[in-house]
Amino acid sequence: MRGMPPQDKPELTVTGDAGHDEINLNRLMFVVAANRVPETAVGWEKSVTIDALGPIRIRCTAGRDNVVPHGIDNDIVVGLVNVYVQQGMPDDGRVTVTVAELLRASGLSKNGRVYREVRESLLRLSDTKYDFSKSWYDAEQQTWLDEEGFRLILQYRFLNPQTGDTLRGQFKAETTVQLTLASLLTRSIRAGHLRPLDLAFYSELSQPMVRTLYRLLREQSFGADGRPVHVFSISVRAWAIHLGHHDTRIDLVRRALKPAHAELMGKGFLKDVTYSGRGEAQSVTYEFADNLQPPPDAELVGLLAQRGVTMPAATKLAVQYSRAQIVQACESFDALLRSGYAAKSRGGLLTDMLRSPSKYVPREELLPVQRPLPRAARAGPADEEMPATPEARARTAEFLLSKGRTPHPDHRRRILLDLFVTGAINAQELTLVGSAEDPDALVMSWVARRQVQRRDEAPSTDS
């Protein structure tokens, strides 16, 4: 029986550059963690259990005259997810990006050697087919897929930046890459099946193995109840299989992991790593650092982002301040704007109101006594008069969206319609999203909030 879906595991706090990590790609480990693989590595299969979510069953088949994805390919996958989000999550999955931009989104530094590796990585990822069984979680349908197969990159073109023609030579920083991502992946991203990723910390890690291990362990650093766990233990053999060391001796697995363990302890992510048992019965236990913080409340992040606070800043503030403080600051902020106050920076004003609330003690006529801000699904008086049928709400949403000064792109408009029709956001939120500093980040926070609400309201069943 399967455990709870992976989005029920909250994430570490984002403390640096905000990035994204698609949960399925991270948990299932489609890319061998080793920096190099032999020329004979043209495929692999694994059936392994690493957590309470059930077994992972995947078959990887490299394309003709190629080897399976490995090493830096994991970083490029991270970059592709970030680029897709940054470019507005287009429905057709198509993105256009320079090599320099892709490296930045992947947390990698620019140099000639890496440019060559990026090209080789994209060719491997586009040429490799994956087949899996009951392992990919469909966040849109909230179910585990029985059988599925896909290629991560469906189509690609490499263009000369000067002429726009198909590239004949080597990659450079300004080389343009046009590609189409698999619909299975893009649907998952649009459904909000993501984790925040601190790209500043991620980019400081020295090797693909270290970065891969960090992402995998980070997924296990919180329990199913959302609270940080102190330790994570797993069979060394199961861990080796999951990382791609399928037939490697246990002592060689330990030797390969040793530098990564040392670096993650030196960076303050791990407190200790210990082994127990002998031979094939060995297990490894990871002890996480005590300073790992609980995840931010998605609803509080949304309240701040809606009022102009950038997504990274909203994430930090949602951890630093209590629910009561944030709700009070948002109420005072709304009242101040209703009074006619013209804020030069709405996000800056709200941040200052959180940090220095005594500077904004309201006059009685400006801030009448109000009930606490409710969840979006139980919004204020404007929604109490909204028509009850989905068709009527859809017509209302279309009318409100048509009144915006700037049209929303198709992907955002579709998500907003769905959120409004299902009662996940109210009319005020629908009309204000266009004025947010980062509308897509705000919409993603609402999607995450709805998932949390659905999980809390759903009866406990096994998938």
Protein backbone atom coordinates (compact mmCIF):
# COMPACT_ATOMS: atom_id res chain seq x y z
CA MET A 1 0.00 0.00 0.00
CA ARG A 2 1.19 3.46 -0.82
CA GLY A 3 1.71 6.17 1.73
CA MET A 4 0.62 9.77 1.42
CA PRO A 5 1.50 11.53 -1.83
CA PRO A 6 4.85 13.31 -1.83
CA GLN A 7 3.47 16.86 -1.79
CA ASP A 8 2.39 16.20 1.80
CA LYS A 9 6.06 16.48 2.77
CA PRO A 10 6.81 20.17 3.34
CA GLU A 11 10.02 21.78 2.25
CA LEU A 12 13.02 23.45 3.82
CA THR A 13 12.89 27.20 4.02
CA VAL A 14 14.24 29.06 1.01
CA THR A 15 17.04 31.29 2.24
CA GLY A 16 18.72 32.41 -0.98
CA ASP A 17 17.95 32.56 -4.67
CA ALA A 18 14.53 31.03 -5.25
CA GLY A 19 14.42 28.02 -7.55
CA HIS A 20 12.11 25.06 -8.01
CA ASP A 21 12.42 21.29 -7.86
CA GLU A 22 9.75 19.02 -9.40
CA ILE A 23 9.04 16.36 -6.77
CA ASN A 24 8.72 13.30 -9.01
CA LEU A 25 11.99 13.96 -10.84
CA ASN A 26 13.79 14.40 -7.53
CA ARG A 27 12.33 11.47 -5.61
CA LEU A 28 12.43 8.92 -8.44
CA MET A 29 16.05 9.66 -9.48
CA PHE A 30 15.95 9.37 -13.27
CA VAL A 31 19.65 10.30 -13.52
CA VAL A 32 22.58 8.20 -12.28
CA ALA A 33 24.36 10.18 -9.56
CA ALA A 34 27.88 9.18 -10.66
CA ASN A 35 29.95 11.78 -12.54
CA ARG A 36 30.85 9.22 -15.22
CA VAL A 37 29.41 5.98 -16.57
CA PRO A 38 31.04 3.36 -18.83
CA GLU A 39 30.29 3.32 -22.54
CA THR A 40 28.35 0.10 -21.98
CA ALA A 41 25.83 1.88 -19.70
CA VAL A 42 22.96 1.93 -22.19
CA GLY A 43 20.13 1.15 -19.76
CA TRP A 44 19.12 0.16 -16.26
CA GLU A 45 16.15 -1.03 -14.24
CA LYS A 46 15.39 -0.57 -10.57
CA SER A 47 12.72 -1.66 -8.15
CA VAL A 48 13.55 -0.17 -4.79
CA THR A 49 11.82 1.22 -1.72
CA ILE A 50 13.37 4.24 -0.03
CA ASP A 51 10.44 5.69 1.95
CA ALA A 52 6.85 5.16 3.07
CA LEU A 53 5.41 6.14 -0.31
CA GLY A 54 5.90 2.68 -1.74
CA PRO A 55 8.26 1.04 -4.25
CA ILE A 56 9.88 2.87 -7.14
CA ARG A 57 9.88 0.86 -10.39
CA ILE A 58 11.61 2.40 -13.39
CA ARG A 59 13.31 1.23 -16.58
CA CYS A 60 15.73 3.55 -18.40
CA THR A 61 16.73 2.99 -22.02
CA ALA A 62 19.37 5.21 -23.62
CA GLY A 63 19.18 6.12 -27.28
CA ARG A 64 21.31 4.60 -29.99
CA ASP A 65 25.02 5.52 -29.72
CA ASN A 66 24.46 7.14 -26.33
CA VAL A 67 24.68 6.32 -22.61
CA VAL A 68 22.20 6.81 -19.80
CA PRO A 69 21.85 10.29 -18.24
CA HIS A 70 24.30 10.84 -15.38
CA GLY A 71 26.22 13.45 -13.39
CA ILE A 72 25.54 17.00 -14.58
CA ASP A 73 22.29 15.85 -16.21
CA ASN A 74 20.61 16.13 -12.79
CA ASP A 75 21.59 19.82 -12.66
CA ILE A 76 20.30 20.42 -16.19
CA VAL A 77 16.97 18.83 -15.21
CA VAL A 78 16.76 21.32 -12.32
CA GLY A 79 17.54 24.13 -14.76
CA LEU A 80 14.86 23.05 -17.25
CA VAL A 81 12.23 23.01 -14.50
CA ASN A 82 13.27 26.51 -13.37
CA VAL A 83 13.32 27.90 -16.92
CA TYR A 84 9.85 26.49 -17.60
CA VAL A 85 8.47 28.18 -14.46
CA GLN A 86 10.30 31.45 -15.20
CA GLN A 87 8.82 31.58 -18.72
CA GLY A 88 5.25 31.33 -17.48
CA MET A 89 4.63 27.55 -17.70
CA PRO A 90 3.36 27.53 -21.31
CA ASP A 91 0.77 24.84 -22.05
CA ASP A 92 2.71 23.52 -25.05
CA GLY A 93 5.83 22.93 -22.94
CA ARG A 94 8.06 24.98 -25.27
CA VAL A 95 10.86 27.13 -23.86
CA THR A 96 13.63 29.20 -25.45
CA VAL A 97 16.73 29.93 -23.40
CA THR A 98 20.39 30.82 -23.89
CA VAL A 99 23.04 28.47 -22.57
CA ALA A 100 24.09 31.10 -20.03
CA GLU A 101 20.52 31.43 -18.75
CA LEU A 102 20.14 27.64 -18.52
CA LEU A 103 23.36 27.37 -16.51
CA ARG A 104 22.18 30.08 -14.12
CA ALA A 105 18.85 28.30 -13.64
CA SER A 106 20.77 25.05 -13.02
CA GLY A 107 23.03 26.55 -10.36
CA LEU A 108 26.12 25.99 -12.54
CA SER A 109 29.04 28.29 -13.36
CA LYS A 110 29.89 29.35 -16.92
CA ASN A 111 32.98 28.05 -18.71
CA GLY A 112 33.87 26.42 -22.00
CA ARG A 113 34.01 22.90 -20.61
CA VAL A 114 30.54 23.21 -19.09
CA TYR A 115 29.13 24.54 -22.39
CA ARG A 116 30.22 21.30 -24.06
CA GLU A 117 28.76 19.23 -21.22
CA VAL A 118 25.42 21.06 -21.49
CA ARG A 119 25.12 20.09 -25.13
CA GLU A 120 25.93 16.45 -24.39
CA SER A 121 23.48 16.47 -21.47
CA LEU A 122 20.58 17.81 -23.53
CA LEU A 123 21.24 15.20 -26.22
CA ARG A 124 21.21 12.40 -23.62
CA LEU A 125 18.03 13.65 -21.98
CA SER A 126 16.22 13.96 -25.30
CA ASP A 127 17.41 10.51 -26.44
CA THR A 128 16.50 8.51 -23.32
CA LYS A 129 13.16 6.83 -22.65
CA TYR A 130 11.78 6.06 -19.19
CA ASP A 131 9.05 3.56 -18.34
CA PHE A 132 7.66 3.34 -14.83
CA SER A 133 4.90 1.63 -12.85
CA LYS A 134 2.93 3.16 -9.96
CA SER A 135 5.79 5.54 -9.23
CA TRP A 136 4.82 8.91 -10.73
CA TYR A 137 2.31 10.93 -8.71
CA ASP A 138 -0.17 12.86 -10.87
CA ALA A 139 -0.81 15.97 -8.76
CA GLU A 140 -3.49 17.20 -11.16
CA GLN A 141 -5.61 14.03 -10.77
CA GLN A 142 -4.27 13.25 -7.26
CA THR A 143 -3.45 9.66 -8.10
CA TRP A 144 -0.49 7.38 -8.82
CA LEU A 145 -0.14 6.50 -12.51
CA ASP A 146 -0.33 2.76 -13.23
CA GLU A 147 1.94 2.60 -16.27
CA GLU A 148 3.62 5.49 -18.05
CA GLY A 149 6.53 6.15 -20.37
CA PHE A 150 8.09 9.38 -21.56
CA ARG A 151 11.14 11.23 -22.84
CA LEU A 152 11.97 14.31 -20.81
CA ILE A 153 12.74 16.42 -23.91
CA LEU A 154 10.50 15.84 -26.91
CA GLN A 155 12.08 18.20 -29.45
CA TYR A 156 15.10 20.50 -29.49
CA ARG A 157 16.96 23.00 -31.69
CA PHE A 158 20.31 24.67 -31.08
CA LEU A 159 20.57 28.06 -32.82
CA ASN A 160 23.45 30.35 -33.71
CA PRO A 161 22.84 33.63 -31.81
CA GLN A 162 24.09 35.81 -34.69
CA THR A 163 22.22 34.28 -37.61
CA GLY A 164 19.39 32.32 -36.00
CA ASP A 165 20.41 29.30 -38.09
CA THR A 166 20.82 25.79 -36.73
CA LEU A 167 24.09 25.66 -34.79
CA ARG A 168 26.95 23.81 -36.47
CA GLY A 169 29.75 24.48 -33.97
CA GLN A 170 30.21 24.31 -30.22
CA PHE A 171 27.99 25.84 -27.56
CA LYS A 172 28.75 29.34 -26.31
CA ALA A 173 27.15 31.38 -23.54
CA GLU A 174 24.85 33.14 -26.03
CA THR A 175 23.84 29.98 -27.95
CA THR A 176 20.04 29.68 -28.02
CA VAL A 177 18.29 26.44 -27.11
CA GLN A 178 14.68 25.82 -28.15
CA LEU A 179 13.06 22.71 -26.74
CA THR A 180 9.74 21.10 -25.80
CA LEU A 181 9.38 19.37 -22.43
CA ALA A 182 7.28 16.25 -21.85
CA SER A 183 3.62 16.99 -21.11
CA LEU A 184 3.73 14.62 -18.12
CA LEU A 185 6.32 16.88 -16.51
CA THR A 186 4.76 20.20 -17.48
CA ARG A 187 1.33 19.14 -16.19
CA SER A 188 2.91 18.29 -12.86
CA ILE A 189 4.66 21.67 -12.66
CA ARG A 190 1.48 23.58 -13.56
CA ALA A 191 -0.35 21.60 -10.84
CA GLY A 192 2.13 23.00 -8.31
CA HIS A 193 3.95 19.72 -7.59
CA LEU A 194 7.14 21.61 -6.73
CA ARG A 195 9.56 22.26 -3.92
CA PRO A 196 11.39 25.55 -3.35
CA LEU A 197 15.12 25.16 -4.06
CA ASP A 198 17.76 27.51 -2.65
CA LEU A 199 19.91 27.92 -5.76
CA ALA A 200 22.53 29.95 -3.88
CA PHE A 201 23.23 27.04 -1.52
CA TYR A 202 22.82 24.45 -4.28
CA SER A 203 25.35 26.18 -6.54
CA GLU A 204 27.96 26.17 -3.74
CA LEU A 205 28.06 22.35 -3.72
CA SER A 206 31.09 21.08 -5.58
CA GLN A 207 30.02 18.00 -7.56
CA PRO A 208 26.93 16.48 -9.21
CA MET A 209 27.02 13.63 -6.67
CA VAL A 210 26.91 16.09 -3.75
CA ARG A 211 24.09 18.12 -5.29
CA THR A 212 22.07 14.98 -6.08
CA LEU A 213 22.52 13.59 -2.59
CA TYR A 214 21.52 16.94 -1.09
CA ARG A 215 18.25 17.02 -3.03
CA LEU A 216 17.41 13.40 -2.17
CA LEU A 217 18.15 13.83 1.54
CA ARG A 218 16.32 17.13 1.69
CA GLU A 219 13.18 15.25 0.56
CA GLN A 220 13.59 12.92 3.53
CA SER A 221 14.35 15.60 6.13
CA PHE A 222 10.68 16.07 7.04
CA GLY A 223 8.21 13.43 8.08
CA ALA A 224 4.74 12.78 6.68
CA ASP A 225 3.25 15.04 9.38
CA GLY A 226 5.28 17.99 8.14
CA ARG A 227 7.63 18.14 11.11
CA PRO A 228 11.40 17.96 10.76
CA VAL A 229 12.84 14.52 11.46
CA HIS A 230 16.19 14.09 13.16
CA VAL A 231 17.40 11.04 11.26
CA PHE A 232 16.85 9.09 8.06
CA SER A 233 18.03 5.47 7.75
CA ILE A 234 18.15 3.25 4.70
CA SER A 235 19.81 0.04 3.53
CA VAL A 236 23.12 0.82 1.84
CA ARG A 237 22.24 -1.59 -0.97
CA ALA A 238 18.86 0.11 -1.56
CA TRP A 239 20.54 3.52 -1.47
CA ALA A 240 23.18 2.36 -3.93
CA ILE A 241 20.54 1.05 -6.35
CA HIS A 242 18.59 4.28 -6.11
CA LEU A 243 21.70 6.37 -6.84
CA GLY A 244 22.59 4.19 -9.82
CA HIS A 245 25.36 2.04 -8.32
CA HIS A 246 23.45 -1.11 -9.21
CA ASP A 247 26.16 -3.79 -9.02
CA THR A 248 28.79 -1.94 -7.01
CA ARG A 249 30.34 -3.55 -3.93
CA ILE A 250 29.21 -2.06 -0.62
CA ASP A 251 32.70 -0.90 0.31
CA LEU A 252 33.00 0.95 -3.02
CA VAL A 253 29.59 2.55 -2.50
CA ARG A 254 30.73 3.85 0.88
CA ARG A 255 33.93 5.17 -0.68
CA ALA A 256 31.96 6.98 -3.42
CA LEU A 257 29.63 8.59 -0.88
CA LYS A 258 32.32 9.64 1.61
CA PRO A 259 33.33 12.98 -0.03
CA ALA A 260 29.67 13.97 -0.47
CA HIS A 261 28.91 13.17 3.16
CA ALA A 262 31.89 15.23 4.31
CA GLU A 263 30.87 18.25 2.22
CA LEU A 264 27.22 18.19 3.36
CA MET A 265 28.38 18.03 6.98
CA GLY A 266 30.84 20.86 6.37
CA LYS A 267 28.05 22.97 4.84
CA GLY A 268 25.87 22.46 7.92
CA PHE A 269 23.16 20.38 6.24
CA LEU A 270 24.09 17.11 7.95
CA LYS A 271 25.22 16.68 11.55
CA ASP A 272 26.51 13.11 11.21
CA VAL A 273 26.56 10.00 9.01
CA THR A 274 26.91 6.53 10.57
CA TYR A 275 26.89 2.96 9.29
CA SER A 276 25.68 -0.15 11.10
CA GLY A 277 25.64 -3.85 10.26
CA ARG A 278 28.01 -5.83 8.07
CA GLY A 279 28.23 -6.79 4.41
CA GLU A 280 25.01 -6.61 2.42
CA ALA A 281 23.05 -6.04 5.63
CA GLN A 282 24.62 -2.63 6.24
CA SER A 283 22.48 0.47 6.66
CA VAL A 284 23.38 4.15 6.67
CA THR A 285 21.84 6.71 9.02
CA TYR A 286 21.84 10.43 8.28
CA GLU A 287 21.44 12.85 11.19
CA PHE A 288 20.17 16.23 10.02
CA ALA A 289 21.35 19.55 11.41
CA ASP A 290 19.32 21.02 14.25
CA ASN A 291 18.81 24.35 12.48
CA LEU A 292 16.54 23.04 9.73
CA GLN A 293 13.41 25.14 9.96
CA PRO A 294 9.80 24.02 9.48
CA PRO A 295 8.24 24.91 6.14
CA PRO A 296 6.41 28.19 5.60
CA ASP A 297 2.61 28.14 5.62
CA ALA A 298 1.50 28.35 1.97
CA GLU A 299 -1.52 30.47 2.90
CA LEU A 300 0.61 33.05 4.72
CA VAL A 301 3.06 33.18 1.81
CA GLY A 302 0.09 33.83 -0.48
CA LEU A 303 -1.29 36.63 1.71
CA LEU A 304 2.06 38.43 1.60
CA ALA A 305 2.73 37.81 -2.10
CA GLN A 306 -0.74 39.05 -3.02
CA ARG A 307 0.14 42.39 -1.46
CA GLY A 308 3.35 42.90 -3.40
CA VAL A 309 5.99 41.03 -1.38
CA THR A 310 8.30 39.03 -3.65
CA MET A 311 8.04 35.25 -3.37
CA PRO A 312 11.47 34.66 -1.74
CA ALA A 313 10.85 37.46 0.77
CA ALA A 314 7.31 36.21 1.50
CA THR A 315 8.68 32.72 2.17
CA LYS A 316 11.19 34.09 4.68
CA LEU A 317 8.64 36.30 6.42
CA ALA A 318 6.14 33.44 6.72
CA VAL A 319 8.73 31.56 8.78
CA GLN A 320 10.00 34.52 10.81
CA TYR A 321 6.60 35.82 11.96
CA SER A 322 3.56 34.17 13.51
CA ARG A 323 0.19 33.77 11.79
CA ALA A 324 -1.32 36.40 14.10
CA GLN A 325 1.41 38.93 13.25
CA ILE A 326 1.06 38.41 9.50
CA VAL A 327 -2.74 38.55 9.55
CA GLN A 328 -2.67 41.75 11.63
CA ALA A 329 -0.09 43.36 9.35
CA CYS A 330 -2.16 42.47 6.26
CA GLU A 331 -5.31 43.94 7.83
CA SER A 332 -3.47 47.14 8.74
CA PHE A 333 -1.94 47.29 5.26
CA ASP A 334 -5.34 46.91 3.58
CA ALA A 335 -6.88 49.56 5.82
CA LEU A 336 -4.03 51.97 5.11
CA LEU A 337 -4.49 51.61 1.35
CA ARG A 338 -8.27 52.05 1.68
CA SER A 339 -7.63 55.33 3.46
CA GLY A 340 -5.99 56.66 0.28
CA TYR A 341 -2.34 56.16 1.24
CA ALA A 342 -0.16 55.88 -1.90
CA ALA A 343 2.63 53.38 -1.28
CA LYS A 344 5.76 53.71 -3.41
CA SER A 345 6.46 50.01 -2.84
CA ARG A 346 3.55 47.89 -1.61
CA GLY A 347 5.83 44.98 -0.72
CA GLY A 348 8.28 47.22 1.08
CA LEU A 349 5.47 48.88 3.05
CA LEU A 350 4.00 45.57 4.22
CA THR A 351 7.44 44.25 5.17
CA ASP A 352 8.07 47.36 7.26
CA MET A 353 4.64 47.00 8.91
CA LEU A 354 5.64 43.49 9.99
CA ARG A 355 9.03 44.55 11.30
CA SER A 356 7.91 47.79 12.97
CA PRO A 357 4.19 47.49 13.77
CA SER A 358 4.32 50.32 16.31
CA LYS A 359 4.95 52.81 13.49
CA TYR A 360 1.57 51.98 12.00
CA VAL A 361 -0.87 52.17 14.91
CA PRO A 362 -4.15 52.92 13.07
CA ARG A 363 -6.66 55.59 13.91
CA GLU A 364 -10.07 54.15 14.79
CA GLU A 365 -11.74 55.66 11.75
CA LEU A 366 -9.16 54.11 9.44
CA LEU A 367 -9.10 50.61 10.89
CA PRO A 368 -12.43 49.40 12.25
CA VAL A 369 -12.53 46.16 14.17
CA GLN A 370 -12.46 43.27 11.70
CA ARG A 371 -12.62 39.52 11.94
CA PRO A 372 -9.33 37.73 11.08
CA LEU A 373 -8.59 37.20 7.41
CA PRO A 374 -10.28 33.93 6.38
CA ARG A 375 -9.06 31.33 3.93
CA ALA A 376 -9.72 32.25 0.33
CA ALA A 377 -12.38 29.55 0.02
CA ARG A 378 -14.40 31.36 2.69
CA ALA A 379 -13.86 34.91 1.50
CA GLY A 380 -15.67 38.08 2.49
CA PRO A 381 -18.99 39.67 1.55
CA ALA A 382 -18.18 39.90 -2.14
CA ASP A 383 -18.10 36.12 -2.38
CA GLU A 384 -21.19 35.59 -0.22
CA GLU A 385 -23.23 37.05 -3.08
CA MET A 386 -21.49 35.02 -5.76
CA PRO A 387 -23.63 32.57 -7.78
CA ALA A 388 -23.37 29.00 -6.53
CA THR A 389 -23.24 27.05 -9.78
CA PRO A 390 -19.83 26.42 -11.43
CA GLU A 391 -21.16 27.78 -14.73
CA ALA A 392 -22.23 31.04 -13.13
CA ARG A 393 -18.92 31.38 -11.30
CA ALA A 394 -17.06 30.75 -14.55
CA ARG A 395 -18.99 33.56 -16.25
CA THR A 396 -18.23 35.86 -13.34
CA ALA A 397 -14.53 34.95 -13.49
CA GLU A 398 -14.41 35.67 -17.23
CA PHE A 399 -16.01 39.06 -16.63
CA LEU A 400 -13.57 39.97 -13.83
CA LEU A 401 -10.55 38.82 -15.83
CA SER A 402 -11.67 40.88 -18.81
CA LYS A 403 -11.53 44.03 -16.67
CA GLY A 404 -7.81 43.72 -16.03
CA ARG A 405 -5.49 46.26 -17.57
CA THR A 406 -3.12 43.56 -18.88
CA PRO A 407 -4.39 40.26 -20.34
CA HIS A 408 -3.22 37.14 -18.55
CA PRO A 409 -1.33 34.49 -20.57
CA ASP A 410 -3.39 31.40 -21.35
CA HIS A 411 -1.76 29.13 -18.78
CA ARG A 412 -2.37 31.61 -15.92
CA ARG A 413 -5.92 32.42 -17.07
CA ARG A 414 -6.82 28.71 -17.09
CA ILE A 415 -5.45 28.17 -13.57
CA LEU A 416 -7.20 31.31 -12.26
CA LEU A 417 -10.54 30.19 -13.71
CA ASP A 418 -10.17 26.82 -12.05
CA LEU A 419 -9.19 28.34 -8.69
CA PHE A 420 -12.12 30.75 -8.74
CA VAL A 421 -14.73 28.22 -9.87
CA THR A 422 -13.67 25.77 -7.15
CA GLY A 423 -13.79 28.51 -4.50
CA ALA A 424 -10.04 28.47 -3.83
CA ILE A 425 -9.76 32.24 -4.40
CA ASN A 426 -12.24 35.07 -4.15
CA ALA A 427 -13.16 37.94 -6.44
CA GLN A 428 -10.76 40.40 -4.83
CA GLU A 429 -7.83 38.04 -5.28
CA LEU A 430 -8.84 37.35 -8.87
CA THR A 431 -8.84 41.02 -9.77
CA LEU A 432 -5.64 41.91 -7.88
CA VAL A 433 -3.39 39.14 -9.21
CA GLY A 434 -2.49 41.17 -12.29
CA SER A 435 -0.93 43.88 -10.12
CA ALA A 436 1.28 41.47 -8.16
CA GLU A 437 5.04 41.80 -8.67
CA ASP A 438 5.25 38.09 -9.57
CA PRO A 439 1.77 36.92 -10.68
CA ASP A 440 2.84 33.36 -11.52
CA ALA A 441 4.50 32.88 -8.13
CA LEU A 442 1.35 34.13 -6.44
CA VAL A 443 -0.85 31.79 -8.48
CA MET A 444 1.45 28.86 -7.60
CA SER A 445 1.08 29.69 -3.90
CA TRP A 446 -2.72 29.53 -4.29
CA VAL A 447 -2.45 26.16 -6.02
CA ALA A 448 -0.33 24.87 -3.14
CA ARG A 449 -2.80 26.31 -0.62
CA ARG A 450 -5.69 24.49 -2.31
CA GLN A 451 -3.76 21.21 -2.21
CA VAL A 452 -3.21 21.64 1.53
CA GLN A 453 -6.93 22.38 2.04
CA ARG A 454 -7.96 19.33 0.03
CA ARG A 455 -5.59 17.13 1.95
CA ASP A 456 -6.90 18.39 5.29
CA GLU A 457 -10.51 17.81 4.23
CA ALA A 458 -10.02 14.42 2.56
CA PRO A 459 -10.68 11.17 4.47
CA SER A 460 -7.61 9.10 5.22
CA THR A 461 -7.30 6.30 2.62
CA ASP A 462 -4.54 4.28 1.03
CA SER A 463 -3.88 4.92 -2.63
